[in-house]
Amino acid sequence: MKMITALVRPSKVDAVKSALVAIEVIGMTVTDSRGFGRQKGQVERYRGTEFTVEFLPKSKILVTVPDHKVSQTVEAIANAARTGEIGDGKIFVTPVEQVYRIRTGEGGEAAL
């Protein structure tokens, strides 16, 4: 199993969710986060005053999938989140040793 962590624009979360549902990936966790990458923030104007926003809003999406669904899931997320502009985000894939469903005690892929 693998955990896929995607950092995307907040406006793309619904599109990513729809893409994951379409490929039958069940369950995802979304948290709001802030950060910067190559764009190193951006200059904003408010009432005629310029200021730099150093940490931009992002959404962190976590999904855990069986090994055979990793490439399909990464592709679905990337296609749904892509705008072609700097700041589209990143996708990280990390191994998961074990998962358990608290309610039933099931383990492994059955718990997904």
C-alpha atoms as a PDB file:
ATOM      1  CA  MET A   1       0.000   0.000   0.000  1.00  0.00           C
ATOM      2  CA  LYS A   2       1.030   3.588  -0.571  1.00  0.00           C
ATOM      3  CA  MET A   3      -0.017   6.901   0.906  1.00  0.00           C
ATOM      4  CA  ILE A   4      -0.337   9.657  -1.653  1.00  0.00           C
ATOM      5  CA  THR A   5       0.017  13.201  -0.364  1.00  0.00           C
ATOM      6  CA  ALA A   6      -0.957  15.939  -2.782  1.00  0.00           C
ATOM      7  CA  LEU A   7      -0.476  19.640  -2.150  1.00  0.00           C
ATOM      8  CA  VAL A   8      -2.805  21.485  -4.529  1.00  0.00           C
ATOM      9  CA  ARG A   9      -4.529  24.810  -5.002  1.00  0.00           C
ATOM     10  CA  PRO A  10      -7.633  25.042  -2.769  1.00  0.00           C
ATOM     11  CA  SER A  11      -9.760  25.768  -5.846  1.00  0.00           C
ATOM     12  CA  LYS A  12      -8.830  22.342  -7.272  1.00  0.00           C
ATOM     13  CA  VAL A  13      -9.936  20.157  -4.340  1.00  0.00           C
ATOM     14  CA  ASP A  14     -13.405  19.463  -5.746  1.00  0.00           C
ATOM     15  CA  ALA A  15     -11.949  18.534  -9.140  1.00  0.00           C
ATOM     16  CA  VAL A  16      -9.466  16.168  -7.476  1.00  0.00           C
ATOM     17  CA  LYS A  17     -12.259  14.601  -5.412  1.00  0.00           C
ATOM     18  CA  SER A  18     -14.344  14.012  -8.537  1.00  0.00           C
ATOM     19  CA  ALA A  19     -11.351  12.497 -10.344  1.00  0.00           C
ATOM     20  CA  LEU A  20     -10.675  10.120  -7.446  1.00  0.00           C
ATOM     21  CA  VAL A  21     -14.312   9.045  -7.183  1.00  0.00           C
ATOM     22  CA  ALA A  22     -14.302   8.362 -10.943  1.00  0.00           C
ATOM     23  CA  ILE A  23     -11.462   5.845 -10.532  1.00  0.00           C
ATOM     24  CA  GLU A  24     -13.082   4.330  -7.421  1.00  0.00           C
ATOM     25  CA  VAL A  25     -10.608   5.621  -4.857  1.00  0.00           C
ATOM     26  CA  ILE A  26     -12.614   5.681  -1.660  1.00  0.00           C
ATOM     27  CA  GLY A  27     -11.783   8.021   1.185  1.00  0.00           C
ATOM     28  CA  MET A  28      -9.582  11.063   1.355  1.00  0.00           C
ATOM     29  CA  THR A  29      -8.512  13.540   3.988  1.00  0.00           C
ATOM     30  CA  VAL A  30      -8.186  17.240   3.185  1.00  0.00           C
ATOM     31  CA  THR A  31      -6.527  19.839   5.377  1.00  0.00           C
ATOM     32  CA  ASP A  32      -5.834  23.494   4.745  1.00  0.00           C
ATOM     33  CA  SER A  33      -2.182  24.443   4.761  1.00  0.00           C
ATOM     34  CA  ARG A  34       0.103  27.277   3.742  1.00  0.00           C
ATOM     35  CA  GLY A  35       3.492  27.205   2.090  1.00  0.00           C
ATOM     36  CA  PHE A  36       5.662  28.281  -0.782  1.00  0.00           C
ATOM     37  CA  GLY A  37       7.727  26.698  -3.489  1.00  0.00           C
ATOM     38  CA  ARG A  38       9.492  28.181  -6.462  1.00  0.00           C
ATOM     39  CA  GLN A  39       7.118  31.132  -6.608  1.00  0.00           C
ATOM     40  CA  LYS A  40       8.338  32.223  -3.123  1.00  0.00           C
ATOM     41  CA  GLY A  41       5.078  33.975  -2.345  1.00  0.00           C
ATOM     42  CA  GLN A  42       3.415  36.696  -4.326  1.00  0.00           C
ATOM     43  CA  VAL A  43       2.859  40.439  -4.215  1.00  0.00           C
ATOM     44  CA  GLU A  44      -0.705  41.508  -3.403  1.00  0.00           C
ATOM     45  CA  ARG A  45      -2.323  44.941  -3.378  1.00  0.00           C
ATOM     46  CA  TYR A  46      -4.817  46.047  -0.760  1.00  0.00           C
ATOM     47  CA  ARG A  47      -6.233  49.570  -0.811  1.00  0.00           C
ATOM     48  CA  GLY A  48      -3.309  50.815  -2.838  1.00  0.00           C
ATOM     49  CA  THR A  49      -0.658  49.272  -0.606  1.00  0.00           C
ATOM     50  CA  GLU A  50       1.594  46.480  -1.832  1.00  0.00           C
ATOM     51  CA  PHE A  51       2.559  43.646   0.471  1.00  0.00           C
ATOM     52  CA  THR A  52       4.130  40.237  -0.019  1.00  0.00           C
ATOM     53  CA  VAL A  53       2.254  37.081   0.897  1.00  0.00           C
ATOM     54  CA  GLU A  54       5.077  34.700   1.712  1.00  0.00           C
ATOM     55  CA  PHE A  55       2.985  31.624   2.471  1.00  0.00           C
ATOM     56  CA  LEU A  56       0.303  30.828  -0.080  1.00  0.00           C
ATOM     57  CA  PRO A  57      -2.822  28.815   0.750  1.00  0.00           C
ATOM     58  CA  LYS A  58      -2.723  25.165  -0.321  1.00  0.00           C
ATOM     59  CA  SER A  59      -4.830  22.111   0.375  1.00  0.00           C
ATOM     60  CA  LYS A  60      -3.194  18.898   1.518  1.00  0.00           C
ATOM     61  CA  ILE A  61      -4.953  15.765   0.287  1.00  0.00           C
ATOM     62  CA  LEU A  62      -4.135  12.343   1.738  1.00  0.00           C
ATOM     63  CA  VAL A  63      -5.282   9.064   0.174  1.00  0.00           C
ATOM     64  CA  THR A  64      -4.074   5.527   0.783  1.00  0.00           C
ATOM     65  CA  VAL A  65      -4.360   3.072  -2.090  1.00  0.00           C
ATOM     66  CA  PRO A  66      -3.252  -0.466  -2.954  1.00  0.00           C
ATOM     67  CA  ASP A  67       0.018  -0.677  -4.914  1.00  0.00           C
ATOM     68  CA  HIS A  68      -1.736  -1.476  -8.199  1.00  0.00           C
ATOM     69  CA  LYS A  69      -3.719   1.810  -8.079  1.00  0.00           C
ATOM     70  CA  VAL A  70      -0.816   4.185  -7.400  1.00  0.00           C
ATOM     71  CA  SER A  71      -0.022   5.312 -10.950  1.00  0.00           C
ATOM     72  CA  GLN A  72      -3.712   5.678 -11.863  1.00  0.00           C
ATOM     73  CA  THR A  73      -4.331   7.736  -8.704  1.00  0.00           C
ATOM     74  CA  VAL A  74      -1.302   9.992  -9.232  1.00  0.00           C
ATOM     75  CA  GLU A  75      -2.342  10.593 -12.838  1.00  0.00           C
ATOM     76  CA  ALA A  76      -5.926  11.423 -11.821  1.00  0.00           C
ATOM     77  CA  ILE A  77      -4.761  13.907  -9.178  1.00  0.00           C
ATOM     78  CA  ALA A  78      -2.218  15.543 -11.488  1.00  0.00           C
ATOM     79  CA  ASN A  79      -4.706  15.931 -14.339  1.00  0.00           C
ATOM     80  CA  ALA A  80      -7.409  17.355 -12.066  1.00  0.00           C
ATOM     81  CA  ALA A  81      -5.085  19.785 -10.259  1.00  0.00           C
ATOM     82  CA  ARG A  82      -3.054  21.030 -13.243  1.00  0.00           C
ATOM     83  CA  THR A  83      -3.509  24.621 -14.423  1.00  0.00           C
ATOM     84  CA  GLY A  84      -0.147  24.919 -16.157  1.00  0.00           C
ATOM     85  CA  GLU A  85       0.850  27.827 -13.935  1.00  0.00           C
ATOM     86  CA  ILE A  86       3.558  27.931 -11.285  1.00  0.00           C
ATOM     87  CA  GLY A  87       2.168  26.867  -7.905  1.00  0.00           C
ATOM     88  CA  ASP A  88       0.077  23.901  -9.087  1.00  0.00           C
ATOM     89  CA  GLY A  89       1.549  21.796  -6.271  1.00  0.00           C
ATOM     90  CA  LYS A  90       3.308  18.515  -5.637  1.00  0.00           C
ATOM     91  CA  ILE A  91       2.432  14.831  -5.211  1.00  0.00           C
ATOM     92  CA  PHE A  92       4.364  12.578  -2.834  1.00  0.00           C
ATOM     93  CA  VAL A  93       4.081   8.780  -2.688  1.00  0.00           C
ATOM     94  CA  THR A  94       5.218   6.995   0.478  1.00  0.00           C
ATOM     95  CA  PRO A  95       4.963   3.374   1.601  1.00  0.00           C
ATOM     96  CA  VAL A  96       2.408   2.309   4.215  1.00  0.00           C
ATOM     97  CA  GLU A  97       3.337  -0.723   6.269  1.00  0.00           C
ATOM     98  CA  GLN A  98      -0.087  -1.458   7.684  1.00  0.00           C
ATOM     99  CA  VAL A  99      -3.539   0.056   8.089  1.00  0.00           C
ATOM    100  CA  TYR A 100      -6.330  -0.886  10.491  1.00  0.00           C
ATOM    101  CA  ARG A 101     -10.008  -0.017  10.546  1.00  0.00           C
ATOM    102  CA  ILE A 102     -10.848   0.953  14.114  1.00  0.00           C
ATOM    103  CA  ARG A 103     -14.543  -0.011  13.971  1.00  0.00           C
ATOM    104  CA  THR A 104     -14.054  -3.614  12.788  1.00  0.00           C
ATOM    105  CA  GLY A 105     -10.404  -4.334  13.519  1.00  0.00           C
ATOM    106  CA  GLU A 106      -9.772  -5.252   9.861  1.00  0.00           C
ATOM    107  CA  GLY A 107      -6.209  -4.820   8.662  1.00  0.00           C
ATOM    108  CA  GLY A 108      -4.360  -4.476   5.375  1.00  0.00           C
ATOM    109  CA  GLU A 109      -6.121  -3.652   2.106  1.00  0.00           C
ATOM    110  CA  ALA A 110      -9.444  -4.795   3.547  1.00  0.00           C
ATOM    111  CA  ALA A 111      -9.286  -1.806   5.899  1.00  0.00           C
ATOM    112  CA  LEU A 112      -9.067   0.673   3.040  1.00  0.00           C
END
